[in-house]
């Protein structure tokens, strides 16, 4: 049996994080979650993560800053930034993809992250 792919989900909004985690786990992914950048870096270093899915707007360290730090650790891991295109567009980032958070249905998100 093929091992489940591991996705690290990061969002300071625990309700959105919970919904995303449920959606991904019910679709066969193993999901690690974090509510801030520091916690995400810890989780990333503890497991062999296949994909990072992070919100842009978070206190202390936004999603673009988090991705920059994680890319220094493992540049080969795909990382997706969820956020308002106006916010993200004005900020330099190293994300492999940017998905507009408000206009993306759970089904569209699943299609975009298939790994």
N, C-alpha and C. Protein backbone atom coordinates (compact mmCIF):
# COMPACT_ATOMS: atom_id res chain seq x y z
N UNK A 1 0.84 -1.19 0.00
CA UNK A 1 0.00 0.00 0.00
C UNK A 1 0.89 1.26 0.00
N UNK A 2 0.55 2.20 -0.82
CA UNK A 2 1.29 3.44 -0.94
C UNK A 2 1.08 4.30 0.31
N UNK A 3 2.16 4.87 0.88
CA UNK A 3 1.98 5.73 2.06
C UNK A 3 1.25 7.01 1.68
N UNK A 4 0.51 7.55 2.63
CA UNK A 4 -0.22 8.79 2.38
C UNK A 4 0.74 9.95 2.24
N UNK A 5 0.42 10.85 1.32
CA UNK A 5 1.20 12.07 1.16
C UNK A 5 0.93 12.98 2.36
N UNK A 6 1.96 13.68 2.81
CA UNK A 6 1.84 14.55 3.99
C UNK A 6 1.76 16.00 3.54
N UNK A 7 0.69 16.67 3.98
CA UNK A 7 0.49 18.08 3.68
C UNK A 7 0.54 18.86 5.00
N UNK A 8 1.35 19.90 5.01
CA UNK A 8 1.40 20.80 6.15
C UNK A 8 0.50 21.99 5.85
N UNK A 9 -0.56 22.16 6.65
CA UNK A 9 -1.50 23.27 6.50
C UNK A 9 -1.23 24.29 7.60
N UNK A 10 -1.13 25.54 7.20
CA UNK A 10 -0.83 26.60 8.16
C UNK A 10 -1.85 27.73 8.01
N UNK A 11 -2.51 28.05 9.11
CA UNK A 11 -3.49 29.14 9.11
C UNK A 11 -3.73 29.54 10.56
N UNK A 12 -3.74 30.84 10.84
CA UNK A 12 -4.00 31.30 12.20
C UNK A 12 -5.49 31.26 12.54
N UNK A 13 -6.34 31.11 11.53
CA UNK A 13 -7.78 30.97 11.75
C UNK A 13 -8.06 29.48 11.97
N UNK A 14 -8.28 29.10 13.22
CA UNK A 14 -8.42 27.68 13.55
C UNK A 14 -9.64 27.03 12.90
N UNK A 15 -10.70 27.80 12.67
CA UNK A 15 -11.88 27.24 12.01
C UNK A 15 -11.57 26.88 10.55
N UNK A 16 -10.93 27.79 9.84
CA UNK A 16 -10.55 27.50 8.45
C UNK A 16 -9.55 26.36 8.38
N UNK A 17 -8.62 26.34 9.31
CA UNK A 17 -7.62 25.28 9.37
C UNK A 17 -8.29 23.93 9.59
N UNK A 18 -9.25 23.89 10.48
CA UNK A 18 -9.97 22.65 10.78
C UNK A 18 -10.74 22.14 9.56
N UNK A 19 -11.39 23.04 8.84
CA UNK A 19 -12.15 22.66 7.64
C UNK A 19 -11.20 22.11 6.58
N UNK A 20 -10.08 22.82 6.37
CA UNK A 20 -9.11 22.38 5.37
C UNK A 20 -8.51 21.02 5.75
N UNK A 21 -8.20 20.86 7.02
CA UNK A 21 -7.62 19.60 7.51
C UNK A 21 -8.61 18.44 7.29
N UNK A 22 -9.88 18.66 7.60
CA UNK A 22 -10.91 17.63 7.41
C UNK A 22 -11.03 17.28 5.94
N UNK A 23 -11.10 18.29 5.08
CA UNK A 23 -11.26 18.06 3.65
C UNK A 23 -10.09 17.23 3.10
N UNK A 24 -8.89 17.59 3.48
CA UNK A 24 -7.71 16.88 2.97
C UNK A 24 -7.61 15.46 3.52
N UNK A 25 -7.87 15.30 4.81
CA UNK A 25 -7.75 13.96 5.41
C UNK A 25 -8.81 13.01 4.88
N UNK A 26 -10.00 13.51 4.60
CA UNK A 26 -11.04 12.65 4.04
C UNK A 26 -10.78 12.31 2.57
N UNK A 27 -9.82 13.01 1.97
CA UNK A 27 -9.42 12.71 0.58
C UNK A 27 -8.09 11.96 0.52
N UNK A 28 -7.71 11.36 1.63
CA UNK A 28 -6.58 10.45 1.62
C UNK A 28 -5.21 11.03 1.96
N UNK A 29 -5.16 12.28 2.39
CA UNK A 29 -3.89 12.88 2.75
C UNK A 29 -3.68 12.81 4.27
N UNK A 30 -2.43 12.74 4.67
CA UNK A 30 -2.10 12.88 6.09
C UNK A 30 -1.82 14.36 6.29
N UNK A 31 -2.48 14.98 7.26
CA UNK A 31 -2.39 16.42 7.41
C UNK A 31 -1.75 16.79 8.75
N UNK A 32 -0.72 17.61 8.67
CA UNK A 32 -0.13 18.23 9.85
C UNK A 32 -0.62 19.67 9.85
N UNK A 33 -0.90 20.22 11.01
CA UNK A 33 -1.39 21.59 11.04
C UNK A 33 -0.59 22.45 12.00
N UNK A 34 -0.58 23.74 11.70
CA UNK A 34 0.09 24.73 12.53
C UNK A 34 -0.70 26.03 12.44
N UNK A 35 -0.69 26.79 13.54
CA UNK A 35 -1.44 28.04 13.57
C UNK A 35 -0.56 29.28 13.44
N UNK A 36 0.76 29.07 13.32
CA UNK A 36 1.66 30.19 13.10
C UNK A 36 2.95 29.70 12.44
N UNK A 37 3.77 30.64 12.00
CA UNK A 37 4.98 30.29 11.27
C UNK A 37 5.98 29.48 12.07
N UNK A 38 6.18 29.85 13.32
CA UNK A 38 7.15 29.15 14.16
C UNK A 38 6.75 27.68 14.35
N UNK A 39 5.49 27.47 14.62
CA UNK A 39 4.96 26.11 14.80
C UNK A 39 5.09 25.32 13.48
N UNK A 40 4.85 25.99 12.37
CA UNK A 40 4.94 25.34 11.05
C UNK A 40 6.37 24.87 10.77
N UNK A 41 7.34 25.69 11.12
CA UNK A 41 8.75 25.32 10.90
C UNK A 41 9.10 24.09 11.75
N UNK A 42 8.60 24.06 12.98
CA UNK A 42 8.82 22.87 13.84
C UNK A 42 8.23 21.62 13.20
N UNK A 43 6.96 21.70 12.76
CA UNK A 43 6.30 20.55 12.15
C UNK A 43 7.03 20.11 10.88
N UNK A 44 7.46 21.09 10.10
CA UNK A 44 8.16 20.81 8.84
C UNK A 44 9.45 20.04 9.11
N UNK A 45 10.15 20.41 10.15
CA UNK A 45 11.41 19.75 10.49
C UNK A 45 11.21 18.37 11.11
N UNK A 46 10.03 18.09 11.62
CA UNK A 46 9.74 16.81 12.28
C UNK A 46 9.26 15.72 11.32
N UNK A 47 8.83 16.10 10.13
CA UNK A 47 8.24 15.12 9.21
C UNK A 47 8.74 15.35 7.80
N UNK A 48 8.54 14.37 6.96
CA UNK A 48 8.88 14.49 5.55
C UNK A 48 7.66 14.99 4.80
N UNK A 49 7.51 16.29 4.75
CA UNK A 49 6.34 16.95 4.18
C UNK A 49 6.43 16.92 2.65
N UNK A 50 5.29 16.59 2.02
CA UNK A 50 5.21 16.54 0.55
C UNK A 50 4.70 17.84 -0.06
N UNK A 51 3.96 18.64 0.74
CA UNK A 51 3.38 19.89 0.24
C UNK A 51 3.08 20.79 1.43
N UNK A 52 3.30 22.10 1.24
CA UNK A 52 2.94 23.09 2.25
C UNK A 52 1.82 23.95 1.67
N UNK A 53 0.78 24.13 2.45
CA UNK A 53 -0.38 24.95 2.07
C UNK A 53 -0.54 25.98 3.17
N UNK A 54 -0.21 27.23 2.89
CA UNK A 54 -0.24 28.24 3.95
C UNK A 54 -1.05 29.47 3.58
N UNK A 55 -1.70 30.01 4.59
CA UNK A 55 -2.42 31.26 4.46
C UNK A 55 -1.40 32.38 4.37
N UNK A 56 -1.72 33.46 3.68
CA UNK A 56 -0.81 34.59 3.58
C UNK A 56 -0.87 35.45 4.84
N UNK A 57 -2.08 35.80 5.27
CA UNK A 57 -2.25 36.75 6.38
C UNK A 57 -2.19 36.05 7.73
N UNK A 58 -1.05 36.18 8.38
CA UNK A 58 -0.87 35.64 9.73
C UNK A 58 -0.02 36.62 10.52
N UNK A 59 -0.24 36.70 11.83
CA UNK A 59 0.58 37.61 12.64
C UNK A 59 2.01 37.11 12.79
N UNK A 60 2.91 37.98 13.12
CA UNK A 60 4.35 37.72 13.36
C UNK A 60 5.11 37.28 12.11
N UNK A 61 4.62 36.31 11.37
CA UNK A 61 5.30 35.83 10.16
C UNK A 61 4.21 35.50 9.14
N UNK A 62 4.16 36.26 8.04
CA UNK A 62 3.11 35.96 7.06
C UNK A 62 3.50 34.75 6.22
N UNK A 63 2.60 34.31 5.38
CA UNK A 63 2.83 33.10 4.58
C UNK A 63 4.02 33.20 3.64
N UNK A 64 4.24 34.38 3.06
CA UNK A 64 5.37 34.56 2.15
C UNK A 64 6.69 34.43 2.92
N UNK A 65 6.75 34.99 4.10
CA UNK A 65 7.96 34.87 4.93
C UNK A 65 8.20 33.43 5.36
N UNK A 66 7.11 32.74 5.71
CA UNK A 66 7.20 31.33 6.10
C UNK A 66 7.75 30.50 4.94
N UNK A 67 7.21 30.69 3.76
CA UNK A 67 7.67 29.93 2.59
C UNK A 67 9.14 30.20 2.32
N UNK A 68 9.57 31.44 2.45
CA UNK A 68 10.99 31.77 2.23
C UNK A 68 11.87 30.97 3.19
N UNK A 69 11.46 30.87 4.45
CA UNK A 69 12.24 30.12 5.44
C UNK A 69 12.22 28.62 5.14
N UNK A 70 11.05 28.09 4.77
CA UNK A 70 10.95 26.66 4.48
C UNK A 70 11.71 26.29 3.21
N UNK A 71 11.73 27.17 2.22
CA UNK A 71 12.47 26.91 0.98
C UNK A 71 13.97 26.83 1.26
N UNK A 72 14.45 27.53 2.29
CA UNK A 72 15.86 27.44 2.67
C UNK A 72 16.17 26.06 3.23
N UNK A 73 15.18 25.43 3.87
CA UNK A 73 15.35 24.10 4.45
C UNK A 73 15.22 23.03 3.37
N UNK A 74 14.19 23.15 2.53
CA UNK A 74 13.91 22.14 1.50
C UNK A 74 13.27 22.81 0.28
N UNK A 75 14.11 23.27 -0.62
CA UNK A 75 13.64 24.01 -1.80
C UNK A 75 12.79 23.16 -2.74
N UNK A 76 12.93 21.84 -2.68
CA UNK A 76 12.22 20.95 -3.61
C UNK A 76 10.76 20.72 -3.23
N UNK A 77 10.37 21.05 -2.00
CA UNK A 77 8.99 20.81 -1.56
C UNK A 77 8.07 21.88 -2.15
N UNK A 78 6.99 21.47 -2.85
CA UNK A 78 6.06 22.45 -3.40
C UNK A 78 5.32 23.19 -2.27
N UNK A 79 5.13 24.50 -2.48
CA UNK A 79 4.48 25.32 -1.46
C UNK A 79 3.48 26.24 -2.12
N UNK A 80 2.26 26.23 -1.57
CA UNK A 80 1.15 27.02 -2.12
C UNK A 80 0.75 28.08 -1.10
N UNK A 81 0.59 29.29 -1.59
CA UNK A 81 0.19 30.42 -0.77
C UNK A 81 -1.28 30.72 -1.04
N UNK A 82 -2.08 30.74 0.00
CA UNK A 82 -3.50 31.08 -0.11
C UNK A 82 -3.68 32.52 0.34
N UNK A 83 -4.22 33.35 -0.52
CA UNK A 83 -4.40 34.73 -0.08
C UNK A 83 -5.07 35.59 -1.12
N UNK A 84 -5.36 36.78 -0.69
CA UNK A 84 -5.95 37.80 -1.53
C UNK A 84 -4.89 38.22 -2.55
N UNK A 85 -5.19 38.17 -3.82
CA UNK A 85 -4.18 38.45 -4.85
C UNK A 85 -3.63 39.87 -4.74
N UNK A 86 -4.41 40.81 -4.24
CA UNK A 86 -3.90 42.17 -4.07
C UNK A 86 -2.81 42.20 -3.00
N UNK A 87 -3.02 41.50 -1.89
CA UNK A 87 -2.02 41.43 -0.82
C UNK A 87 -0.77 40.72 -1.31
N UNK A 88 -0.96 39.52 -1.82
CA UNK A 88 0.16 38.67 -2.22
C UNK A 88 0.91 39.29 -3.39
N UNK A 89 0.19 39.89 -4.32
CA UNK A 89 0.81 40.47 -5.50
C UNK A 89 1.79 41.58 -5.19
N UNK A 90 1.59 42.28 -4.08
CA UNK A 90 2.48 43.38 -3.73
C UNK A 90 3.67 42.92 -2.90
N UNK A 91 3.70 41.67 -2.54
CA UNK A 91 4.75 41.12 -1.68
C UNK A 91 5.58 40.09 -2.45
N UNK A 92 6.90 40.19 -2.42
CA UNK A 92 7.71 39.16 -3.09
C UNK A 92 7.54 37.82 -2.35
N UNK A 93 7.50 36.75 -3.11
CA UNK A 93 7.33 35.44 -2.47
C UNK A 93 8.04 34.37 -3.30
N UNK A 94 8.25 33.21 -2.66
CA UNK A 94 8.89 32.08 -3.35
C UNK A 94 7.91 30.92 -3.50
N UNK A 95 6.62 31.19 -3.38
CA UNK A 95 5.61 30.14 -3.50
C UNK A 95 5.62 29.56 -4.91
N UNK A 96 5.30 28.28 -5.00
CA UNK A 96 5.20 27.63 -6.30
C UNK A 96 3.88 27.97 -6.98
N UNK A 97 2.88 28.35 -6.17
CA UNK A 97 1.58 28.76 -6.70
C UNK A 97 0.90 29.66 -5.69
N UNK A 98 0.06 30.55 -6.20
CA UNK A 98 -0.76 31.41 -5.34
C UNK A 98 -2.20 31.14 -5.72
N UNK A 99 -3.01 30.83 -4.72
CA UNK A 99 -4.43 30.56 -4.95
C UNK A 99 -5.24 31.60 -4.20
N UNK A 100 -6.14 32.30 -4.91
CA UNK A 100 -7.00 33.27 -4.23
C UNK A 100 -7.88 32.55 -3.20
N UNK A 101 -7.76 32.95 -1.97
CA UNK A 101 -8.44 32.26 -0.87
C UNK A 101 -9.97 32.40 -0.97
N UNK A 102 -10.44 33.56 -1.29
CA UNK A 102 -11.89 33.82 -1.28
C UNK A 102 -12.62 33.16 -2.45
N UNK A 103 -11.98 33.05 -3.59
CA UNK A 103 -12.65 32.56 -4.79
C UNK A 103 -12.42 31.08 -5.07
N UNK A 104 -11.81 30.36 -4.16
CA UNK A 104 -11.45 28.98 -4.41
C UNK A 104 -12.33 28.03 -3.59
N UNK A 105 -13.08 27.20 -4.29
CA UNK A 105 -13.91 26.22 -3.60
C UNK A 105 -13.03 25.07 -3.10
N UNK A 106 -13.50 24.31 -2.12
CA UNK A 106 -12.72 23.16 -1.65
C UNK A 106 -12.38 22.18 -2.78
N UNK A 107 -13.29 21.98 -3.72
CA UNK A 107 -13.04 21.07 -4.84
C UNK A 107 -11.92 21.61 -5.74
N UNK A 108 -11.94 22.92 -6.01
CA UNK A 108 -10.88 23.53 -6.81
C UNK A 108 -9.54 23.41 -6.10
N UNK A 109 -9.54 23.61 -4.80
CA UNK A 109 -8.30 23.50 -4.03
C UNK A 109 -7.75 22.08 -4.13
N UNK A 110 -8.62 21.09 -4.00
CA UNK A 110 -8.19 19.69 -4.12
C UNK A 110 -7.57 19.42 -5.49
N UNK A 111 -8.17 19.95 -6.52
CA UNK A 111 -7.64 19.76 -7.88
C UNK A 111 -6.26 20.38 -8.02
N UNK A 112 -6.08 21.54 -7.42
CA UNK A 112 -4.80 22.25 -7.54
C UNK A 112 -3.66 21.58 -6.77
N UNK A 113 -4.00 20.87 -5.69
CA UNK A 113 -2.94 20.31 -4.86
C UNK A 113 -2.69 18.83 -5.09
N UNK A 114 -3.34 18.24 -6.05
CA UNK A 114 -3.14 16.81 -6.28
C UNK A 114 -1.66 16.48 -6.41
N UNK A 115 -1.19 15.62 -5.50
CA UNK A 115 0.21 15.21 -5.51
C UNK A 115 0.30 13.71 -5.39
